[in-house]
Amino acid sequence: MNYIYPAVFYPEDDGKYSVIFPDLNDLATYGDNLADAFAMAQEACGQYLFTSLRDGDVLPAPTPLDAVEKDEDAALVNLICVNLDEYARAYNDKAVKKTLSIPAWLNTACENYGINYSKVLQDALIAKIQARS
C-alpha cells in the first residue's frame, strides 16, 4: 500500500538539504544534495511508517501540500511516496520457523558443542546468497 506525506526540504549553506516531515512528529533526515535528500526522505518515512504500523499506532492524515507551513522562503515542499508492502519485504526481519532434518549423530554432536542451529543455518544461507550475487 502506498502512503504519501509532505516533506519540507531546507537548503543548507554547504549544498546539503535538511528534510522535515511535519505530520510525522517532525521526523528529520538530510542528504548531501537534493537527490540524496529525496532518497533519504523516502527511507526515513518508510522506516517511521513501518515501525508505527507494526507497533499498532494510528497514522496521521497527511496535510494537503498547499497547507504545509515552511520556515524559510527557500524551502521546498514536496510529497514523498512510500510503498510499505515493498518496504516490509525488504526490511522485515521477523523470524519464521522452519523444520529441518539432520542425522541423529550430527544432532548429538551439535548439542554437545552447544551449536545454535538457527545461527549456523542463517550464516550458511546468507553466504550462499552472497556467493550468487
Protein backbone atom coordinates (compact mmCIF):
# COMPACT_ATOMS: atom_id res chain seq x y z
CA MET A 1 0.00 0.00 0.00
CA ASN A 2 1.25 3.47 -0.87
CA TYR A 3 1.46 6.20 1.74
CA ILE A 4 2.12 9.82 0.79
CA TYR A 5 3.29 12.51 3.20
CA PRO A 6 4.56 16.04 2.64
CA ALA A 7 8.18 16.81 3.44
CA VAL A 8 9.90 20.18 3.71
CA PHE A 9 13.38 20.37 2.16
CA TYR A 10 15.58 23.10 3.61
CA PRO A 11 18.73 24.00 1.63
CA GLU A 12 21.84 24.40 3.78
CA ASP A 13 24.77 26.73 3.08
CA ASP A 14 27.05 23.80 2.19
CA GLY A 15 24.72 22.46 -0.53
CA LYS A 16 23.17 19.79 1.69
CA TYR A 17 19.46 19.58 2.46
CA SER A 18 17.65 19.03 5.74
CA VAL A 19 14.27 17.33 5.47
CA ILE A 20 11.39 17.56 7.96
CA PHE A 21 8.08 15.64 7.92
CA PRO A 22 5.69 17.89 9.87
CA ASP A 23 2.95 15.22 10.03
CA LEU A 24 5.28 12.54 11.43
CA ASN A 25 6.31 14.15 14.72
CA ASP A 26 8.81 16.34 12.83
CA LEU A 27 10.73 13.30 11.62
CA ALA A 28 14.02 14.62 10.23
CA THR A 29 16.75 13.46 7.88
CA TYR A 30 19.21 15.06 5.48
CA GLY A 31 21.03 14.49 2.23
CA ASP A 32 24.33 15.56 0.70
CA ASN A 33 22.38 17.04 -2.25
CA LEU A 34 18.75 17.27 -3.32
CA ALA A 35 18.66 13.81 -4.93
CA ASP A 36 20.24 12.24 -1.86
CA ALA A 37 17.81 14.13 0.38
CA PHE A 38 14.85 12.68 -1.56
CA ALA A 39 16.23 9.15 -1.21
CA MET A 40 16.90 9.65 2.50
CA ALA A 41 13.41 11.12 2.94
CA GLN A 42 11.83 8.02 1.40
CA GLU A 43 13.93 5.76 3.62
CA ALA A 44 13.16 7.70 6.80
CA CYS A 45 9.45 7.92 6.01
CA GLY A 46 9.27 4.20 5.21
CA GLN A 47 11.03 3.24 8.42
CA TYR A 48 8.82 5.53 10.50
CA LEU A 49 5.56 4.30 8.94
CA PHE A 50 6.59 0.63 9.02
CA THR A 51 7.55 0.83 12.70
CA SER A 52 4.43 2.80 13.61
CA LEU A 53 2.09 0.31 11.95
CA ARG A 54 4.00 -2.64 13.39
CA ASP A 55 3.57 -1.12 16.86
CA GLY A 56 -0.17 -0.59 16.32
CA ASP A 57 -0.02 3.20 16.12
CA VAL A 58 -2.61 5.13 14.13
CA LEU A 59 -1.04 7.09 11.30
CA PRO A 60 -1.95 10.77 10.99
CA ALA A 61 -3.71 12.08 7.92
CA PRO A 62 -1.29 13.84 5.58
CA THR A 63 -1.54 17.62 5.43
CA PRO A 64 -2.52 18.89 1.97
CA LEU A 65 0.53 20.12 0.09
CA ASP A 66 -0.69 23.72 -0.11
CA ALA A 67 -1.32 23.82 3.65
CA VAL A 68 2.18 22.75 4.72
CA GLU A 69 3.98 25.53 6.57
CA LYS A 70 7.67 26.15 5.98
CA ASP A 71 10.02 28.35 7.98
CA GLU A 72 12.05 29.69 5.05
CA ASP A 73 11.15 31.01 1.61
CA ALA A 74 13.92 28.91 0.03
CA ALA A 75 12.44 25.68 1.43
CA LEU A 76 10.81 23.22 -0.95
CA VAL A 77 7.66 21.30 -0.07
CA ASN A 78 7.17 18.01 -1.85
CA LEU A 79 5.24 14.78 -1.42
CA ILE A 80 7.12 11.61 -0.55
CA CYS A 81 5.50 8.32 -1.57
CA VAL A 82 6.42 5.08 0.18
CA ASN A 83 5.15 1.64 -0.83
CA LEU A 84 5.03 -0.11 2.54
CA ASP A 85 4.47 -3.53 1.01
CA GLU A 86 7.81 -3.25 -0.78
CA TYR A 87 9.43 -1.72 2.29
CA ALA A 88 8.19 -4.57 4.51
CA ARG A 89 9.50 -7.19 2.08
CA ALA A 90 12.92 -5.54 2.09
CA TYR A 91 13.23 -4.83 5.82
CA ASN A 92 11.00 -7.24 7.72
CA ASP A 93 13.33 -9.23 9.94
CA LYS A 94 10.64 -11.22 11.71
CA ALA A 95 11.84 -14.77 12.27
CA VAL A 96 9.93 -17.61 10.64
CA LYS A 97 10.01 -21.17 11.87
CA LYS A 98 11.43 -23.84 9.58
CA THR A 99 11.72 -27.57 10.16
CA LEU A 100 14.86 -29.43 9.15
CA SER A 101 16.09 -32.99 9.26
CA ILE A 102 19.67 -33.96 10.13
CA PRO A 103 21.28 -37.29 11.05
CA ALA A 104 20.99 -38.24 14.73
CA TRP A 105 24.78 -38.36 15.20
CA LEU A 106 25.05 -34.76 13.91
CA ASN A 107 22.29 -33.63 16.25
CA THR A 108 24.10 -35.20 19.22
CA ALA A 109 27.42 -33.62 18.27
CA CYS A 110 25.84 -30.20 17.83
CA GLU A 111 24.09 -30.44 21.20
CA ASN A 112 27.37 -31.49 22.87
CA TYR A 113 29.13 -28.43 21.42
CA GLY A 114 26.23 -26.06 22.09
CA ILE A 115 25.87 -25.16 18.43
CA ASN A 116 22.95 -22.86 17.64
CA TYR A 117 21.14 -24.39 14.63
CA SER A 118 19.36 -21.17 13.68
CA LYS A 119 22.57 -19.13 13.67
CA VAL A 120 24.50 -21.71 11.64
CA LEU A 121 21.68 -22.05 9.12
CA GLN A 122 21.28 -18.26 8.79
CA ASP A 123 25.03 -17.79 8.27
CA ALA A 124 25.15 -20.57 5.67
CA LEU A 125 22.12 -19.23 3.78
CA ILE A 126 23.49 -15.68 3.77
CA ALA A 127 26.84 -16.97 2.47
CA LYS A 128 25.06 -18.89 -0.32
CA ILE A 129 23.03 -15.82 -1.31
CA GLN A 130 26.09 -13.57 -1.29
CA ALA A 131 28.02 -16.08 -3.40
CA ARG A 132 25.30 -15.95 -6.06
CA SER A 133 25.06 -12.15 -6.09
